[in-house]
Amino acid sequence: MLTIYRTDASGHVDEIADFEKGSWIQLVNPTKDEADQVIAASGIPEDFVYDPLDIEEKPRFEKDDEGLLMIIDVPYVEEDDTGRAYNTIPLGIIVTGRHFITVCSRELDVLNLFSTGKARLFRTNYRSRFVFQILHRVSMTYLRFLRQIDRRMDELEQELQRSMRNQEIFQLMNLQKSLVYFMTSLKANDSVLDRIVKTPSLEKHEEDEELLDDVFVEHRQAMEMASIYNDIISIKMEAFGSIISNNVNFVMKFLASITIVLSIPTMISGIFGMNVEVPFEGQEIGFVIAITLMLGFSSLAFYILWRKRYF
């Protein structure tokens, strides 16, 4: 999908049809014709447009005579059979002398904030500030998703304390996998941020310095949070593994104890049911004595096992 936006003097975002100077060109999973239109209109190399569409593309910073290419990993969330799944996807940001271009293989909430005019102080022709605003929103999205993961970990911990089910374990594994994705992407984005700050091609105004500082503060905070949460969930997974193993041992021990207690009446009744002469044979009190022996020895076995905490 190809969409072109431009802000007017009051900051209102309008969708336009032409590749005007100072416009923002948004490509979301574009067709080849749409990609070729943008390449022809902006004069950028083909790989500037096609590389960010590869979901395996790594974050990087590349400079060309026609413009700058920045690829960063952006977090997103989707629902699957085991619950919420968090992942990252490459977003290409291309800055030329005339246009600002974003390329991604899927629609992102980070960019929807700008296209709907909900972002403060947003202007499509302020290309350097637009880059910093996107980076700021990406860092904030990482932090928001990390807090959601933390809350979900607490919920799963409470559920696992009540009932050890595979579903909760699988969800914890998904969260741990998401944290690994986040950590890897944040580390890769960090190198891109350093290049962005050091490049003179992106003009930085005084009013943008505070925004750029916020980007670094929240980005580093997201990196620390992802690392901490990953350590926490690793500890929880190990603890739950030990708890599950202990629960299995307890169940096996309990079943073995029940088997011992129930085997005593079976053994006594088997003895008195032999096809040979046995004590109290033919006497009415013999049945009472056999039942008494069964209850007595079973109770004794139960008491011994209970004292040893097998129950």
Protein backbone atom coordinates (compact mmCIF):
# COMPACT_ATOMS: atom_id res chain seq x y z
CA MET A 1 0.00 0.00 0.00
CA LEU A 2 1.34 3.42 -0.98
CA THR A 3 0.15 6.50 0.89
CA ILE A 4 1.49 10.05 0.74
CA TYR A 5 0.98 12.56 3.56
CA ARG A 6 1.77 16.22 4.04
CA THR A 7 1.15 18.59 6.93
CA ASP A 8 -0.21 22.07 6.33
CA ALA A 9 0.78 25.27 8.13
CA SER A 10 -1.40 24.41 11.14
CA GLY A 11 0.06 20.92 11.46
CA HIS A 12 -2.97 19.09 10.10
CA VAL A 13 -2.08 15.89 8.25
CA ASP A 14 -3.54 15.56 4.75
CA GLU A 15 -3.36 12.65 2.35
CA ILE A 16 -2.20 13.80 -1.08
CA ALA A 17 -1.78 12.17 -4.48
CA ASP A 18 1.53 13.58 -5.75
CA PHE A 19 5.12 13.12 -4.58
CA GLU A 20 5.43 16.72 -3.40
CA LYS A 21 8.53 18.11 -1.76
CA GLY A 22 8.36 17.84 2.02
CA SER A 23 5.85 14.97 1.91
CA TRP A 24 5.94 11.70 3.79
CA ILE A 25 5.71 8.60 1.61
CA GLN A 26 4.51 5.52 3.49
CA LEU A 27 4.94 2.06 1.98
CA VAL A 28 3.22 -0.83 3.77
CA ASN A 29 3.83 -4.21 2.14
CA PRO A 30 3.94 -2.50 -1.25
CA THR A 31 3.49 -4.09 -4.64
CA LYS A 32 6.35 -3.92 -7.14
CA ASP A 33 4.60 -1.14 -9.07
CA GLU A 34 4.21 0.95 -5.90
CA ALA A 35 7.84 0.41 -4.94
CA ASP A 36 9.03 1.31 -8.43
CA GLN A 37 6.96 4.52 -8.37
CA VAL A 38 8.67 5.64 -5.18
CA ILE A 39 12.13 4.69 -6.48
CA ALA A 40 11.54 6.65 -9.68
CA ALA A 41 10.14 9.70 -7.88
CA SER A 42 12.85 9.89 -5.21
CA GLY A 43 15.85 8.55 -7.14
CA ILE A 44 16.94 6.27 -4.30
CA PRO A 45 18.55 2.86 -4.91
CA GLU A 46 16.23 -0.13 -5.16
CA ASP A 47 17.71 -1.86 -2.11
CA PHE A 48 16.66 1.13 0.04
CA VAL A 49 13.04 0.09 -0.55
CA TYR A 50 13.31 -3.68 -0.84
CA ASP A 51 15.73 -4.44 2.02
CA PRO A 52 13.37 -3.32 4.84
CA LEU A 53 10.68 -5.65 3.44
CA ASP A 54 12.83 -8.65 4.37
CA ILE A 55 11.73 -9.65 7.88
CA GLU A 56 15.21 -11.08 8.53
CA GLU A 57 16.96 -7.79 7.69
CA LYS A 58 19.18 -6.50 10.49
CA PRO A 59 19.18 -2.89 11.73
CA ARG A 60 21.76 -0.76 9.98
CA PHE A 61 22.63 2.75 8.82
CA GLU A 62 23.56 3.38 5.20
CA LYS A 63 24.40 6.60 3.37
CA ASP A 64 24.06 7.21 -0.36
CA ASP A 65 24.37 10.25 -2.60
CA GLU A 66 20.57 10.33 -2.89
CA GLY A 67 19.79 9.98 0.81
CA LEU A 68 20.06 8.08 4.07
CA LEU A 69 18.67 4.65 4.92
CA MET A 70 18.03 3.67 8.53
CA ILE A 71 16.64 0.24 9.33
CA ILE A 72 15.48 -0.32 12.89
CA ASP A 73 13.56 -3.13 14.56
CA VAL A 74 10.10 -2.09 15.75
CA PRO A 75 8.08 -4.16 18.26
CA TYR A 76 4.57 -5.38 17.55
CA VAL A 77 2.11 -7.73 19.18
CA GLU A 78 -0.25 -10.31 17.76
CA GLU A 79 -2.58 -12.98 19.13
CA ASP A 80 -1.96 -16.70 18.65
CA ASP A 81 -3.29 -19.96 20.12
CA THR A 82 -1.17 -19.63 23.26
CA GLY A 83 -2.01 -15.97 23.91
CA ARG A 84 -0.21 -12.74 23.06
CA ALA A 85 3.02 -13.02 21.10
CA TYR A 86 5.52 -10.16 20.95
CA ASN A 87 7.99 -9.84 18.11
CA THR A 88 9.96 -7.27 16.13
CA ILE A 89 9.96 -6.31 12.46
CA PRO A 90 12.30 -4.14 10.36
CA LEU A 91 11.22 -0.57 9.59
CA GLY A 92 13.06 1.33 6.89
CA ILE A 93 13.39 5.11 7.25
CA ILE A 94 14.69 6.91 4.16
CA VAL A 95 15.57 10.59 4.20
CA THR A 96 16.24 12.43 0.93
CA GLY A 97 16.49 16.07 0.02
CA ARG A 98 12.81 16.16 -1.00
CA HIS A 99 11.00 13.31 0.74
CA PHE A 100 10.67 11.30 3.90
CA ILE A 101 9.95 7.63 3.20
CA THR A 102 9.03 4.76 5.52
CA VAL A 103 8.95 1.14 4.38
CA CYS A 104 7.61 -1.84 6.33
CA SER A 105 6.06 -5.19 5.50
CA ARG A 106 3.16 -4.61 7.90
CA GLU A 107 1.14 -1.74 9.32
CA LEU A 108 2.58 -0.33 12.54
CA ASP A 109 0.83 1.52 15.36
CA VAL A 110 3.96 3.63 15.75
CA LEU A 111 3.40 5.20 12.32
CA ASN A 112 -0.39 5.31 12.60
CA LEU A 113 0.07 7.84 15.37
CA PHE A 114 1.60 10.25 12.86
CA SER A 115 -0.69 9.51 9.92
CA THR A 116 -3.77 10.18 12.06
CA GLY A 117 -2.35 13.51 13.26
CA LYS A 118 -2.16 12.48 16.94
CA ALA A 119 1.57 13.19 17.31
CA ARG A 120 2.48 16.57 18.79
CA LEU A 121 4.74 19.00 16.90
CA PHE A 122 4.75 16.72 13.86
CA ARG A 123 5.65 18.17 10.47
CA THR A 124 6.39 16.07 7.41
CA ASN A 125 8.90 18.61 6.10
CA TYR A 126 10.95 18.55 9.33
CA ARG A 127 12.66 15.35 8.30
CA SER A 128 15.34 15.16 11.03
CA ARG A 129 12.78 15.78 13.77
CA PHE A 130 10.50 13.19 12.20
CA VAL A 131 13.31 10.62 12.51
CA PHE A 132 13.79 11.45 16.19
CA GLN A 133 10.04 11.34 16.82
CA ILE A 134 9.76 7.87 15.28
CA LEU A 135 12.74 6.65 17.33
CA HIS A 136 11.14 8.11 20.44
CA ARG A 137 7.82 6.37 19.75
CA VAL A 138 9.60 3.10 19.06
CA SER A 139 11.43 3.29 22.41
CA MET A 140 8.17 4.09 24.19
CA THR A 141 6.51 1.12 22.49
CA TYR A 142 9.28 -1.18 23.69
CA LEU A 143 8.78 0.09 27.25
CA ARG A 144 5.00 -0.32 27.03
CA PHE A 145 5.27 -3.89 25.76
CA LEU A 146 7.89 -4.73 28.39
CA ARG A 147 5.52 -3.56 31.14
CA GLN A 148 2.77 -5.71 29.61
CA ILE A 149 5.13 -8.70 29.62
CA ASP A 150 5.98 -8.04 33.26
CA ARG A 151 2.30 -7.92 34.25
CA ARG A 152 1.60 -11.09 32.27
CA MET A 153 4.48 -12.86 34.02
CA ASP A 154 2.95 -12.00 37.40
CA GLU A 155 -0.47 -13.27 36.27
CA LEU A 156 1.01 -16.56 35.02
CA GLU A 157 2.94 -16.98 38.26
CA GLN A 158 -0.28 -16.73 40.26
CA GLU A 159 -2.05 -19.16 37.91
CA LEU A 160 0.83 -21.64 38.17
CA GLN A 161 0.69 -21.48 41.95
CA ARG A 162 -2.91 -22.71 41.78
CA SER A 163 -2.58 -25.21 38.96
CA MET A 164 0.40 -26.54 37.00
CA ARG A 165 -0.86 -26.69 33.42
CA ASN A 166 1.00 -26.87 30.14
CA GLN A 167 -0.81 -23.79 28.82
CA GLU A 168 0.79 -21.46 31.38
CA ILE A 169 4.22 -22.99 30.82
CA PHE A 170 3.91 -22.45 27.06
CA GLN A 171 2.88 -18.83 27.60
CA LEU A 172 5.91 -18.26 29.81
CA MET A 173 8.11 -19.76 27.10
CA ASN A 174 6.56 -17.38 24.55
CA LEU A 175 7.24 -14.41 26.83
CA GLN A 176 10.82 -15.52 27.29
CA LYS A 177 11.21 -15.82 23.53
CA SER A 178 9.74 -12.32 23.11
CA LEU A 179 12.24 -10.90 25.59
CA VAL A 180 15.10 -12.48 23.66
CA TYR A 181 13.79 -10.88 20.45
CA PHE A 182 13.52 -7.52 22.21
CA MET A 183 17.03 -7.71 23.66
CA THR A 184 18.55 -8.62 20.30
CA SER A 185 16.67 -5.87 18.47
CA LEU A 186 17.42 -3.21 21.07
CA LYS A 187 21.13 -3.96 20.95
CA ALA A 188 21.08 -3.75 17.15
CA ASN A 189 19.08 -0.50 17.26
CA ASP A 190 21.61 0.95 19.67
CA SER A 191 24.36 0.95 17.07
CA VAL A 192 22.02 2.63 14.57
CA LEU A 193 21.19 5.35 17.10
CA ASP A 194 24.88 6.07 17.59
CA ARG A 195 25.36 6.45 13.85
CA ILE A 196 22.33 8.75 13.60
CA VAL A 197 23.70 11.06 16.28
CA LYS A 198 27.17 11.20 14.74
CA THR A 199 26.12 11.77 11.12
CA PRO A 200 26.13 15.43 10.02
CA SER A 201 23.59 14.67 7.28
CA LEU A 202 20.75 14.81 9.79
CA GLU A 203 20.44 18.42 10.81
CA LYS A 204 19.80 18.79 14.54
CA HIS A 205 18.14 21.93 15.88
CA GLU A 206 18.25 23.10 19.46
CA GLU A 207 14.61 22.18 20.05
CA ASP A 208 15.41 18.63 18.92
CA GLU A 209 18.17 18.07 21.47
CA GLU A 210 15.74 17.37 24.31
CA LEU A 211 13.80 14.94 22.12
CA LEU A 212 17.04 13.18 21.16
CA ASP A 213 18.02 12.92 24.84
CA ASP A 214 14.64 11.37 25.59
CA VAL A 215 15.21 8.83 22.82
CA PHE A 216 18.49 7.69 24.36
CA VAL A 217 17.16 7.65 27.92
CA GLU A 218 14.12 5.53 27.05
CA HIS A 219 16.09 3.30 24.69
CA ARG A 220 18.68 2.49 27.35
CA GLN A 221 15.89 2.00 29.90
CA ALA A 222 14.21 -0.47 27.54
CA MET A 223 17.49 -2.36 27.15
CA GLU A 224 17.93 -2.61 30.91
CA MET A 225 14.31 -3.64 31.49
CA ALA A 226 14.47 -6.33 28.81
CA SER A 227 17.66 -7.74 30.35
CA ILE A 228 16.22 -7.70 33.88
CA TYR A 229 12.92 -9.28 32.85
CA ASN A 230 14.76 -11.95 30.87
CA ASP A 231 16.79 -12.85 33.98
CA ILE A 232 13.62 -12.90 36.09
CA ILE A 233 11.68 -15.14 33.71
CA SER A 234 14.67 -17.50 33.44
CA ILE A 235 14.71 -17.85 37.22
CA LYS A 236 10.95 -18.40 37.26
CA MET A 237 11.15 -21.07 34.57
CA GLU A 238 13.82 -22.93 36.54
CA ALA A 239 11.80 -22.60 39.74
CA PHE A 240 8.60 -23.84 38.10
CA GLY A 241 10.53 -26.75 36.59
CA SER A 242 11.71 -27.75 40.07
CA ILE A 243 8.19 -27.31 41.48
CA ILE A 244 6.69 -29.49 38.76
CA SER A 245 9.34 -32.16 39.40
CA ASN A 246 8.63 -32.05 43.13
CA ASN A 247 4.89 -32.31 42.50
CA VAL A 248 5.41 -35.36 40.30
CA ASN A 249 7.57 -36.97 43.02
CA PHE A 250 4.91 -36.21 45.63
CA VAL A 251 2.16 -37.76 43.49
CA MET A 252 4.24 -40.88 42.88
CA LYS A 253 5.02 -41.13 46.58
CA PHE A 254 1.36 -40.68 47.48
CA LEU A 255 0.23 -43.36 45.02
CA ALA A 256 2.88 -45.77 46.29
CA SER A 257 1.70 -45.20 49.86
CA ILE A 258 -1.94 -45.81 48.91
CA THR A 259 -0.87 -49.00 47.13
CA ILE A 260 0.90 -50.25 50.26
CA VAL A 261 -2.08 -49.52 52.51
CA LEU A 262 -4.54 -51.18 50.13
CA SER A 263 -2.32 -54.22 49.54
CA ILE A 264 -2.54 -55.30 53.21
CA PRO A 265 -6.30 -56.16 53.17
CA THR A 266 -5.78 -57.88 49.84
CA MET A 267 -2.96 -60.00 51.27
CA ILE A 268 -4.89 -60.96 54.43
CA SER A 269 -8.07 -61.80 52.50
CA GLY A 270 -5.94 -63.88 50.14
CA ILE A 271 -4.50 -65.84 53.04
CA PHE A 272 -7.89 -66.58 54.56
CA GLY A 273 -9.27 -67.44 51.13
CA MET A 274 -6.74 -70.22 50.51
CA ASN A 275 -8.07 -73.67 49.71
CA VAL A 276 -6.34 -75.14 52.79
CA GLU A 277 -7.12 -75.24 56.48
CA VAL A 278 -6.69 -71.81 58.13
CA PRO A 279 -7.27 -70.58 61.70
CA PHE A 280 -10.88 -69.86 62.66
CA GLU A 281 -12.13 -71.85 59.68
CA GLY A 282 -15.78 -72.67 60.10
CA GLN A 283 -16.23 -70.24 62.99
CA GLU A 284 -18.54 -67.25 62.78
CA ILE A 285 -16.05 -65.01 64.55
CA GLY A 286 -13.43 -65.79 61.91
CA PHE A 287 -14.86 -63.14 59.56
CA VAL A 288 -14.74 -60.52 62.30
CA ILE A 289 -11.15 -61.44 63.13
CA ALA A 290 -10.10 -61.23 59.46
CA ILE A 291 -11.73 -57.81 59.08
CA THR A 292 -10.11 -56.64 62.33
CA LEU A 293 -6.69 -57.77 61.12
CA MET A 294 -7.18 -55.97 57.81
CA LEU A 295 -8.22 -52.70 59.47
CA GLY A 296 -5.56 -52.96 62.15
CA PHE A 297 -2.59 -53.59 59.89
CA SER A 298 -3.84 -51.08 57.29
CA SER A 299 -4.26 -48.42 59.99
CA LEU A 300 -0.78 -49.19 61.33
CA ALA A 301 0.74 -48.88 57.86
CA PHE A 302 -1.17 -45.66 57.27
CA TYR A 303 0.06 -44.22 60.60
CA ILE A 304 3.70 -45.12 59.87
CA LEU A 305 3.55 -43.58 56.39
CA TRP A 306 1.76 -40.50 57.71
CA ARG A 307 4.47 -39.98 60.35
CA LYS A 308 7.04 -40.13 57.55
CA ARG A 309 4.98 -37.50 55.65
CA TYR A 310 4.16 -39.74 52.71
CA PHE A 311 0.64 -38.30 52.79
